[in-house]
Amino acid sequence: MKYNSMTIHCASLCLDVMSQRHFFRYTIPDILAFKPEVICQIGIRLEPVSKELTDERGMTEVLASAVISVLLQYHFTRRQISADLIIELIQHRLDAFLFK
């Protein structure tokens, strides 16, 4: 399977947050409150190609929601999630958006 570069970027964001020692001290509202920062990070990464995108805002929203979903899943289950699974979850959401 081919992965979009934004999928890899978002997976990296997830892994960065999840690897913090204090991750499990975050509350659900804390994690949900990360979304504006995630949107900002995705926007910065999309900036060079934004003119080529037909729905940059929609893509950003889908990717940010996928990141938050992964973080919440990890927080709820407290089980290690492999990088491969994170990438597949994010790519699945992105594919659903791009090929709807």
PDB file of N, CA and C in Angstrom:
ATOM      1  N   MET A   1       0.840  -1.172   0.000  1.00  0.00           N
ATOM      2  CA  MET A   1       0.000   0.000   0.000  1.00  0.00           C
ATOM      3  C   MET A   1       0.888   1.238   0.000  1.00  0.00           C
ATOM      4  N   LYS A   2       0.475   2.232  -0.756  1.00  0.00           N
ATOM      5  CA  LYS A   2       1.184   3.501  -0.768  1.00  0.00           C
ATOM      6  C   LYS A   2       0.591   4.404   0.302  1.00  0.00           C
ATOM      7  N   TYR A   3       1.449   5.118   0.976  1.00  0.00           N
ATOM      8  CA  TYR A   3       0.997   6.035   2.011  1.00  0.00           C
ATOM      9  C   TYR A   3       1.249   7.466   1.579  1.00  0.00           C
ATOM     10  N   ASN A   4       0.284   8.312   1.848  1.00  0.00           N
ATOM     11  CA  ASN A   4       0.400   9.735   1.589  1.00  0.00           C
ATOM     12  C   ASN A   4       1.421  10.313   2.570  1.00  0.00           C
ATOM     13  N   SER A   5       2.191  11.291   2.126  1.00  0.00           N
ATOM     14  CA  SER A   5       3.188  11.887   3.018  1.00  0.00           C
ATOM     15  C   SER A   5       2.535  12.529   4.235  1.00  0.00           C
ATOM     16  N   MET A   6       1.312  13.013   4.094  1.00  0.00           N
ATOM     17  CA  MET A   6       0.607  13.600   5.230  1.00  0.00           C
ATOM     18  C   MET A   6       0.231  12.531   6.258  1.00  0.00           C
ATOM     19  N   THR A   7      -0.010  11.329   5.794  1.00  0.00           N
ATOM     20  CA  THR A   7      -0.286  10.222   6.711  1.00  0.00           C
ATOM     21  C   THR A   7       0.931   9.978   7.594  1.00  0.00           C
ATOM     22  N   ILE A   8       2.092   9.980   6.999  1.00  0.00           N
ATOM     23  CA  ILE A   8       3.330   9.763   7.753  1.00  0.00           C
ATOM     24  C   ILE A   8       3.559  10.911   8.729  1.00  0.00           C
ATOM     25  N   HIS A   9       3.327  12.132   8.283  1.00  0.00           N
ATOM     26  CA  HIS A   9       3.472  13.299   9.163  1.00  0.00           C
ATOM     27  C   HIS A   9       2.533  13.181  10.363  1.00  0.00           C
ATOM     28  N   CYS A  10       1.277  12.815  10.112  1.00  0.00           N
ATOM     29  CA  CYS A  10       0.305  12.703  11.202  1.00  0.00           C
ATOM     30  C   CYS A  10       0.634  11.545  12.144  1.00  0.00           C
ATOM     31  N   ALA A  11       1.126  10.457  11.595  1.00  0.00           N
ATOM     32  CA  ALA A  11       1.540   9.341  12.448  1.00  0.00           C
ATOM     33  C   ALA A  11       2.696   9.772  13.347  1.00  0.00           C
ATOM     34  N   SER A  12       3.599  10.557  12.794  1.00  0.00           N
ATOM     35  CA  SER A  12       4.709  11.077  13.591  1.00  0.00           C
ATOM     36  C   SER A  12       4.212  11.981  14.716  1.00  0.00           C
ATOM     37  N   LEU A  13       3.219  12.820  14.418  1.00  0.00           N
ATOM     38  CA  LEU A  13       2.618  13.651  15.465  1.00  0.00           C
ATOM     39  C   LEU A  13       2.061  12.777  16.586  1.00  0.00           C
ATOM     40  N   CYS A  14       1.339  11.731  16.193  1.00  0.00           N
ATOM     41  CA  CYS A  14       0.766  10.810  17.189  1.00  0.00           C
ATOM     42  C   CYS A  14       1.855  10.197  18.058  1.00  0.00           C
ATOM     43  N   LEU A  15       2.877   9.684  17.416  1.00  0.00           N
ATOM     44  CA  LEU A  15       3.950   9.021  18.160  1.00  0.00           C
ATOM     45  C   LEU A  15       4.672   9.985  19.085  1.00  0.00           C
ATOM     46  N   ASP A  16       4.859  11.222  18.648  1.00  0.00           N
ATOM     47  CA  ASP A  16       5.492  12.226  19.505  1.00  0.00           C
ATOM     48  C   ASP A  16       4.680  12.464  20.771  1.00  0.00           C
ATOM     49  N   VAL A  17       3.383  12.622  20.610  1.00  0.00           N
ATOM     50  CA  VAL A  17       2.520  12.882  21.768  1.00  0.00           C
ATOM     51  C   VAL A  17       2.433  11.644  22.657  1.00  0.00           C
ATOM     52  N   MET A  18       2.243  10.484  22.044  1.00  0.00           N
ATOM     53  CA  MET A  18       2.067   9.251  22.816  1.00  0.00           C
ATOM     54  C   MET A  18       3.328   8.843  23.567  1.00  0.00           C
ATOM     55  N   SER A  19       4.478   9.286  23.106  1.00  0.00           N
ATOM     56  CA  SER A  19       5.726   8.889  23.768  1.00  0.00           C
ATOM     57  C   SER A  19       6.064   9.763  24.974  1.00  0.00           C
ATOM     58  N   GLN A  20       5.294  10.799  25.187  1.00  0.00           N
ATOM     59  CA  GLN A  20       5.531  11.643  26.354  1.00  0.00           C
ATOM     60  C   GLN A  20       5.221  10.862  27.630  1.00  0.00           C
ATOM     61  N   ARG A  21       6.100  10.960  28.594  1.00  0.00           N
ATOM     62  CA  ARG A  21       5.918  10.199  29.842  1.00  0.00           C
ATOM     63  C   ARG A  21       4.608  10.551  30.540  1.00  0.00           C
ATOM     64  N   HIS A  22       4.171  11.754  30.391  1.00  0.00           N
ATOM     65  CA  HIS A  22       2.961  12.195  31.082  1.00  0.00           C
ATOM     66  C   HIS A  22       1.696  12.071  30.226  1.00  0.00           C
ATOM     67  N   PHE A  23       1.760  11.327  29.120  1.00  0.00           N
ATOM     68  CA  PHE A  23       0.601  11.201  28.230  1.00  0.00           C
ATOM     69  C   PHE A  23      -0.654  10.748  28.978  1.00  0.00           C
ATOM     70  N   PHE A  24      -0.520   9.771  29.846  1.00  0.00           N
ATOM     71  CA  PHE A  24      -1.711   9.227  30.513  1.00  0.00           C
ATOM     72  C   PHE A  24      -2.233  10.129  31.624  1.00  0.00           C
ATOM     73  N   ARG A  25      -1.539  11.204  31.896  1.00  0.00           N
ATOM     74  CA  ARG A  25      -2.070  12.192  32.836  1.00  0.00           C
ATOM     75  C   ARG A  25      -3.030  13.156  32.148  1.00  0.00           C
ATOM     76  N   TYR A  26      -2.997  13.169  30.820  1.00  0.00           N
ATOM     77  CA  TYR A  26      -3.934  14.014  30.090  1.00  0.00           C
ATOM     78  C   TYR A  26      -5.347  13.479  30.289  1.00  0.00           C
ATOM     79  N   THR A  27      -6.289  14.389  30.362  1.00  0.00           N
ATOM     80  CA  THR A  27      -7.701  13.992  30.409  1.00  0.00           C
ATOM     81  C   THR A  27      -8.228  13.946  28.976  1.00  0.00           C
ATOM     82  N   ILE A  28      -9.422  13.405  28.822  1.00  0.00           N
ATOM     83  CA  ILE A  28     -10.041  13.377  27.497  1.00  0.00           C
ATOM     84  C   ILE A  28     -10.195  14.814  26.966  1.00  0.00           C
ATOM     85  N   PRO A  29     -10.705  15.761  27.787  1.00  0.00           N
ATOM     86  CA  PRO A  29     -10.773  17.150  27.290  1.00  0.00           C
ATOM     87  C   PRO A  29      -9.398  17.723  26.902  1.00  0.00           C
ATOM     88  N   ASP A  30      -8.352  17.324  27.609  1.00  0.00           N
ATOM     89  CA  ASP A  30      -6.999  17.763  27.234  1.00  0.00           C
ATOM     90  C   ASP A  30      -6.660  17.297  25.826  1.00  0.00           C
ATOM     91  N   ILE A  31      -6.916  16.036  25.554  1.00  0.00           N
ATOM     92  CA  ILE A  31      -6.597  15.467  24.243  1.00  0.00           C
ATOM     93  C   ILE A  31      -7.444  16.132  23.159  1.00  0.00           C
ATOM     94  N   LEU A  32      -8.719  16.318  23.427  1.00  0.00           N
ATOM     95  CA  LEU A  32      -9.581  16.990  22.458  1.00  0.00           C
ATOM     96  C   LEU A  32      -9.104  18.423  22.198  1.00  0.00           C
ATOM     97  N   ALA A  33      -8.556  19.038  23.214  1.00  0.00           N
ATOM     98  CA  ALA A  33      -8.065  20.414  23.082  1.00  0.00           C
ATOM     99  C   ALA A  33      -6.786  20.509  22.246  1.00  0.00           C
ATOM    100  N   PHE A  34      -6.151  19.391  21.942  1.00  0.00           N
ATOM    101  CA  PHE A  34      -4.974  19.389  21.077  1.00  0.00           C
ATOM    102  C   PHE A  34      -5.336  19.690  19.626  1.00  0.00           C
ATOM    103  N   LYS A  35      -6.609  19.513  19.275  1.00  0.00           N
ATOM    104  CA  LYS A  35      -7.005  19.574  17.867  1.00  0.00           C
ATOM    105  C   LYS A  35      -6.590  20.867  17.170  1.00  0.00           C
ATOM    106  N   PRO A  36      -6.790  22.059  17.754  1.00  0.00           N
ATOM    107  CA  PRO A  36      -6.341  23.266  17.045  1.00  0.00           C
ATOM    108  C   PRO A  36      -4.835  23.265  16.737  1.00  0.00           C
ATOM    109  N   GLU A  37      -4.038  22.761  17.664  1.00  0.00           N
ATOM    110  CA  GLU A  37      -2.592  22.687  17.425  1.00  0.00           C
ATOM    111  C   GLU A  37      -2.283  21.671  16.324  1.00  0.00           C
ATOM    112  N   VAL A  38      -2.990  20.550  16.330  1.00  0.00           N
ATOM    113  CA  VAL A  38      -2.800  19.540  15.286  1.00  0.00           C
ATOM    114  C   VAL A  38      -3.176  20.139  13.934  1.00  0.00           C
ATOM    115  N   ILE A  39      -4.296  20.857  13.886  1.00  0.00           N
ATOM    116  CA  ILE A  39      -4.718  21.507  12.640  1.00  0.00           C
ATOM    117  C   ILE A  39      -3.647  22.484  12.166  1.00  0.00           C
ATOM    118  N   CYS A  40      -3.084  23.231  13.076  1.00  0.00           N
ATOM    119  CA  CYS A  40      -2.021  24.169  12.744  1.00  0.00           C
ATOM    120  C   CYS A  40      -0.807  23.443  12.161  1.00  0.00           C
ATOM    121  N   GLN A  41      -0.385  22.366  12.807  1.00  0.00           N
ATOM    122  CA  GLN A  41       0.770  21.600  12.331  1.00  0.00           C
ATOM    123  C   GLN A  41       0.517  21.010  10.938  1.00  0.00           C
ATOM    124  N   ILE A  42      -0.685  20.519  10.723  1.00  0.00           N
ATOM    125  CA  ILE A  42      -1.032  19.962   9.411  1.00  0.00           C
ATOM    126  C   ILE A  42      -1.059  21.075   8.370  1.00  0.00           C
ATOM    127  N   GLY A  43      -1.627  22.222   8.730  1.00  0.00           N
ATOM    128  CA  GLY A  43      -1.680  23.351   7.809  1.00  0.00           C
ATOM    129  C   GLY A  43      -0.303  23.811   7.371  1.00  0.00           C
ATOM    130  N   ILE A  44       0.618  23.858   8.322  1.00  0.00           N
ATOM    131  CA  ILE A  44       1.999  24.245   7.995  1.00  0.00           C
ATOM    132  C   ILE A  44       2.601  23.260   7.005  1.00  0.00           C
ATOM    133  N   ARG A  45       2.342  21.993   7.233  1.00  0.00           N
ATOM    134  CA  ARG A  45       2.906  20.952   6.361  1.00  0.00           C
ATOM    135  C   ARG A  45       2.269  20.965   4.968  1.00  0.00           C
ATOM    136  N   LEU A  46       0.980  21.350   4.905  1.00  0.00           N
ATOM    137  CA  LEU A  46       0.280  21.386   3.617  1.00  0.00           C
ATOM    138  C   LEU A  46       0.537  22.670   2.828  1.00  0.00           C
ATOM    139  N   GLU A  47       1.070  23.673   3.487  1.00  0.00           N
ATOM    140  CA  GLU A  47       1.237  24.984   2.859  1.00  0.00           C
ATOM    141  C   GLU A  47       1.900  24.935   1.483  1.00  0.00           C
ATOM    142  N   PRO A  48       2.989  24.192   1.299  1.00  0.00           N
ATOM    143  CA  PRO A  48       3.647  24.194  -0.018  1.00  0.00           C
ATOM    144  C   PRO A  48       2.770  23.647  -1.151  1.00  0.00           C
ATOM    145  N   VAL A  49       1.797  22.816  -0.839  1.00  0.00           N
ATOM    146  CA  VAL A  49       0.955  22.214  -1.887  1.00  0.00           C
ATOM    147  C   VAL A  49      -0.499  22.668  -1.804  1.00  0.00           C
ATOM    148  N   SER A  50      -0.773  23.654  -0.972  1.00  0.00           N
ATOM    149  CA  SER A  50      -2.164  24.044  -0.729  1.00  0.00           C
ATOM    150  C   SER A  50      -2.893  24.490  -1.992  1.00  0.00           C
ATOM    151  N   LYS A  51      -2.198  25.090  -2.933  1.00  0.00           N
ATOM    152  CA  LYS A  51      -2.839  25.540  -4.180  1.00  0.00           C
ATOM    153  C   LYS A  51      -3.275  24.368  -5.050  1.00  0.00           C
ATOM    154  N   GLU A  52      -2.668  23.230  -4.855  1.00  0.00           N
ATOM    155  CA  GLU A  52      -2.998  22.051  -5.651  1.00  0.00           C
ATOM    156  C   GLU A  52      -4.194  21.280  -5.072  1.00  0.00           C
ATOM    157  N   LEU A  53      -4.582  21.578  -3.847  1.00  0.00           N
ATOM    158  CA  LEU A  53      -5.652  20.840  -3.177  1.00  0.00           C
ATOM    159  C   LEU A  53      -7.010  21.461  -3.475  1.00  0.00           C
ATOM    160  N   THR A  54      -7.979  20.601  -3.730  1.00  0.00           N
ATOM    161  CA  THR A  54      -9.329  21.100  -3.999  1.00  0.00           C
ATOM    162  C   THR A  54     -10.091  21.407  -2.716  1.00  0.00           C
ATOM    163  N   ASP A  55      -9.757  20.706  -1.629  1.00  0.00           N
ATOM    164  CA  ASP A  55     -10.442  20.933  -0.350  1.00  0.00           C
ATOM    165  C   ASP A  55      -9.438  20.820   0.794  1.00  0.00           C
ATOM    166  N   GLU A  56      -8.585  21.819   0.893  1.00  0.00           N
ATOM    167  CA  GLU A  56      -7.547  21.805   1.930  1.00  0.00           C
ATOM    168  C   GLU A  56      -8.155  21.753   3.323  1.00  0.00           C
ATOM    169  N   ARG A  57      -9.195  22.531   3.556  1.00  0.00           N
ATOM    170  CA  ARG A  57      -9.833  22.562   4.877  1.00  0.00           C
ATOM    171  C   ARG A  57     -10.409  21.190   5.236  1.00  0.00           C
ATOM    172  N   GLY A  58     -11.057  20.549   4.282  1.00  0.00           N
ATOM    173  CA  GLY A  58     -11.617  19.225   4.529  1.00  0.00           C
ATOM    174  C   GLY A  58     -10.534  18.197   4.824  1.00  0.00           C
ATOM    175  N   MET A  59      -9.467  18.256   4.050  1.00  0.00           N
ATOM    176  CA  MET A  59      -8.355  17.322   4.260  1.00  0.00           C
ATOM    177  C   MET A  59      -7.719  17.542   5.628  1.00  0.00           C
ATOM    178  N   THR A  60      -7.534  18.791   5.988  1.00  0.00           N
ATOM    179  CA  THR A  60      -6.952  19.120   7.289  1.00  0.00           C
ATOM    180  C   THR A  60      -7.831  18.598   8.412  1.00  0.00           C
ATOM    181  N   GLU A  61      -9.125  18.788   8.290  1.00  0.00           N
ATOM    182  CA  GLU A  61     -10.068  18.325   9.311  1.00  0.00           C
ATOM    183  C   GLU A  61     -10.052  16.805   9.445  1.00  0.00           C
ATOM    184  N   VAL A  62     -10.033  16.111   8.331  1.00  0.00           N
ATOM    185  CA  VAL A  62      -9.997  14.645   8.350  1.00  0.00           C
ATOM    186  C   VAL A  62      -8.723  14.143   9.020  1.00  0.00           C
ATOM    187  N   LEU A  63      -7.607  14.725   8.660  1.00  0.00           N
ATOM    188  CA  LEU A  63      -6.336  14.298   9.235  1.00  0.00           C
ATOM    189  C   LEU A  63      -6.257  14.621  10.725  1.00  0.00           C
ATOM    190  N   ALA A  64      -6.697  15.803  11.109  1.00  0.00           N
ATOM    191  CA  ALA A  64      -6.668  16.175  12.527  1.00  0.00           C
ATOM    192  C   ALA A  64      -7.582  15.266  13.341  1.00  0.00           C
ATOM    193  N   SER A  65      -8.750  14.969  12.805  1.00  0.00           N
ATOM    194  CA  SER A  65      -9.671  14.064  13.499  1.00  0.00           C
ATOM    195  C   SER A  65      -9.069  12.671  13.641  1.00  0.00           C
ATOM    196  N   ALA A  66      -8.352  12.233  12.618  1.00  0.00           N
ATOM    197  CA  ALA A  66      -7.702  10.926  12.678  1.00  0.00           C
ATOM    198  C   ALA A  66      -6.628  10.901  13.763  1.00  0.00           C
ATOM    199  N   VAL A  67      -5.851  11.964  13.860  1.00  0.00           N
ATOM    200  CA  VAL A  67      -4.812  12.055  14.895  1.00  0.00           C
ATOM    201  C   VAL A  67      -5.449  11.999  16.284  1.00  0.00           C
ATOM    202  N   ILE A  68      -6.476  12.801  16.498  1.00  0.00           N
ATOM    203  CA  ILE A  68      -7.140  12.830  17.799  1.00  0.00           C
ATOM    204  C   ILE A  68      -7.745  11.466  18.109  1.00  0.00           C
ATOM    205  N   SER A  69      -8.310  10.823  17.104  1.00  0.00           N
ATOM    206  CA  SER A  69      -8.892   9.488  17.298  1.00  0.00           C
ATOM    207  C   SER A  69      -7.837   8.476  17.748  1.00  0.00           C
ATOM    208  N   VAL A  70      -6.676   8.506  17.121  1.00  0.00           N
ATOM    209  CA  VAL A  70      -5.585   7.600  17.509  1.00  0.00           C
ATOM    210  C   VAL A  70      -5.154   7.877  18.947  1.00  0.00           C
ATOM    211  N   LEU A  71      -5.005   9.154  19.285  1.00  0.00           N
ATOM    212  CA  LEU A  71      -4.594   9.506  20.648  1.00  0.00           C
ATOM    213  C   LEU A  71      -5.625   9.037  21.673  1.00  0.00           C
ATOM    214  N   LEU A  72      -6.889   9.226  21.363  1.00  0.00           N
ATOM    215  CA  LEU A  72      -7.941   8.777  22.287  1.00  0.00           C
ATOM    216  C   LEU A  72      -7.956   7.258  22.420  1.00  0.00           C
ATOM    217  N   GLN A  73      -7.793   6.563  21.300  1.00  0.00           N
ATOM    218  CA  GLN A  73      -7.774   5.093  21.346  1.00  0.00           C
ATOM    219  C   GLN A  73      -6.640   4.606  22.233  1.00  0.00           C
ATOM    220  N   TYR A  74      -5.467   5.179  22.075  1.00  0.00           N
ATOM    221  CA  TYR A  74      -4.325   4.787  22.890  1.00  0.00           C
ATOM    222  C   TYR A  74      -4.577   5.115  24.360  1.00  0.00           C
ATOM    223  N   HIS A  75      -5.152   6.262  24.605  1.00  0.00           N
ATOM    224  CA  HIS A  75      -5.443   6.687  25.976  1.00  0.00           C
ATOM    225  C   HIS A  75      -6.449   5.736  26.632  1.00  0.00           C
ATOM    226  N   PHE A  76      -7.490   5.368  25.887  1.00  0.00           N
ATOM    227  CA  PHE A  76      -8.523   4.479  26.431  1.00  0.00           C
ATOM    228  C   PHE A  76      -8.007   3.065  26.677  1.00  0.00           C
ATOM    229  N   THR A  77      -7.272   2.529  25.723  1.00  0.00           N
ATOM    230  CA  THR A  77      -6.862   1.129  25.814  1.00  0.00           C
ATOM    231  C   THR A  77      -5.594   0.938  26.634  1.00  0.00           C
ATOM    232  N   ARG A  78      -4.769   1.991  26.688  1.00  0.00           N
ATOM    233  CA  ARG A  78      -3.478   1.918  27.383  1.00  0.00           C
ATOM    234  C   ARG A  78      -2.620   0.761  26.873  1.00  0.00           C
ATOM    235  N   ARG A  79      -2.866   0.424  25.629  1.00  0.00           N
ATOM    236  CA  ARG A  79      -2.074  -0.631  24.985  1.00  0.00           C
ATOM    237  C   ARG A  79      -1.255  -0.011  23.878  1.00  0.00           C
ATOM    238  N   GLN A  80      -0.073  -0.503  23.736  1.00  0.00           N
ATOM    239  CA  GLN A  80       0.820  -0.011  22.705  1.00  0.00           C
ATOM    240  C   GLN A  80       0.165  -0.183  21.336  1.00  0.00           C
ATOM    241  N   ILE A  81       0.234   0.836  20.521  1.00  0.00           N
ATOM    242  CA  ILE A  81      -0.280   0.783  19.157  1.00  0.00           C
ATOM    243  C   ILE A  81       0.929   0.872  18.241  1.00  0.00           C
ATOM    244  N   SER A  82       1.026  -0.061  17.315  1.00  0.00           N
ATOM    245  CA  SER A  82       2.184  -0.066  16.426  1.00  0.00           C
ATOM    246  C   SER A  82       2.115   1.103  15.449  1.00  0.00           C
ATOM    247  N   ALA A  83       3.271   1.527  15.000  1.00  0.00           N
ATOM    248  CA  ALA A  83       3.337   2.604  14.009  1.00  0.00           C
ATOM    249  C   ALA A  83       2.598   2.194  12.745  1.00  0.00           C
ATOM    250  N   ASP A  84       2.692   0.920  12.373  1.00  0.00           N
ATOM    251  CA  ASP A  84       1.990   0.429  11.186  1.00  0.00           C
ATOM    252  C   ASP A  84       0.481   0.601  11.331  1.00  0.00           C
ATOM    253  N   LEU A  85      -0.044   0.282  12.497  1.00  0.00           N
ATOM    254  CA  LEU A  85      -1.487   0.421  12.715  1.00  0.00           C
ATOM    255  C   LEU A  85      -1.894   1.895  12.683  1.00  0.00           C
ATOM    256  N   ILE A  86      -1.104   2.754  13.291  1.00  0.00           N
ATOM    257  CA  ILE A  86      -1.398   4.190  13.277  1.00  0.00           C
ATOM    258  C   ILE A  86      -1.441   4.695  11.836  1.00  0.00           C
ATOM    259  N   ILE A  87      -0.447   4.320  11.064  1.00  0.00           N
ATOM    260  CA  ILE A  87      -0.397   4.740   9.652  1.00  0.00           C
ATOM    261  C   ILE A  87      -1.619   4.226   8.903  1.00  0.00           C
ATOM    262  N   GLU A  88      -1.972   2.973   9.105  1.00  0.00           N
ATOM    263  CA  GLU A  88      -3.121   2.408   8.403  1.00  0.00           C
ATOM    264  C   GLU A  88      -4.429   3.089   8.803  1.00  0.00           C
ATOM    265  N   LEU A  89      -4.595   3.394  10.092  1.00  0.00           N
ATOM    266  CA  LEU A  89      -5.809   4.074  10.546  1.00  0.00           C
ATOM    267  C   LEU A  89      -5.936   5.460   9.915  1.00  0.00           C
ATOM    268  N   ILE A  90      -4.842   6.188   9.899  1.00  0.00           N
ATOM    269  CA  ILE A  90      -4.878   7.540   9.325  1.00  0.00           C
ATOM    270  C   ILE A  90      -5.073   7.479   7.810  1.00  0.00           C
ATOM    271  N   GLN A  91      -4.353   6.579   7.148  1.00  0.00           N
ATOM    272  CA  GLN A  91      -4.481   6.468   5.695  1.00  0.00           C
ATOM    273  C   GLN A  91      -5.888   6.042   5.295  1.00  0.00           C
ATOM    274  N   HIS A  92      -6.494   5.172   6.078  1.00  0.00           N
ATOM    275  CA  HIS A  92      -7.870   4.739   5.797  1.00  0.00           C
ATOM    276  C   HIS A  92      -8.820   5.936   5.815  1.00  0.00           C
ATOM    277  N   ARG A  93      -8.682   6.793   6.822  1.00  0.00           N
ATOM    278  CA  ARG A  93      -9.533   7.996   6.906  1.00  0.00           C
ATOM    279  C   ARG A  93      -9.262   8.936   5.746  1.00  0.00           C
ATOM    280  N   LEU A  94      -7.985   9.100   5.417  1.00  0.00           N
ATOM    281  CA  LEU A  94      -7.646   9.995   4.309  1.00  0.00           C
ATOM    282  C   LEU A  94      -8.176   9.444   2.982  1.00  0.00           C
ATOM    283  N   ASP A  95      -8.027   8.151   2.748  1.00  0.00           N
ATOM    284  CA  ASP A  95      -8.545   7.534   1.527  1.00  0.00           C
ATOM    285  C   ASP A  95     -10.060   7.703   1.425  1.00  0.00           C
ATOM    286  N   ALA A  96     -10.758   7.520   2.532  1.00  0.00           N
ATOM    287  CA  ALA A  96     -12.218   7.680   2.540  1.00  0.00           C
ATOM    288  C   ALA A  96     -12.592   9.108   2.125  1.00  0.00           C
ATOM    289  N   PHE A  97     -11.802  10.073   2.566  1.00  0.00           N
ATOM    290  CA  PHE A  97     -12.048  11.464   2.195  1.00  0.00           C
ATOM    291  C   PHE A  97     -11.707  11.722   0.732  1.00  0.00           C
ATOM    292  N   LEU A  98     -10.543  11.268   0.293  1.00  0.00           N
ATOM    293  CA  LEU A  98     -10.077  11.568  -1.059  1.00  0.00           C
ATOM    294  C   LEU A  98     -10.863  10.848  -2.138  1.00  0.00           C
ATOM    295  N   PHE A  99     -11.342   9.658  -1.831  1.00  0.00           N
ATOM    296  CA  PHE A  99     -11.992   8.833  -2.864  1.00  0.00           C
ATOM    297  C   PHE A  99     -13.481   8.649  -2.626  1.00  0.00           C
ATOM    298  N   LYS A 100     -14.096   9.640  -1.980  1.00  0.00           N
ATOM    299  CA  LYS A 100     -15.539   9.538  -1.723  1.00  0.00           C
ATOM    300  C   LYS A 100     -16.346   9.799  -2.956  1.00  0.00           C
TER     301      LYS A 100
END
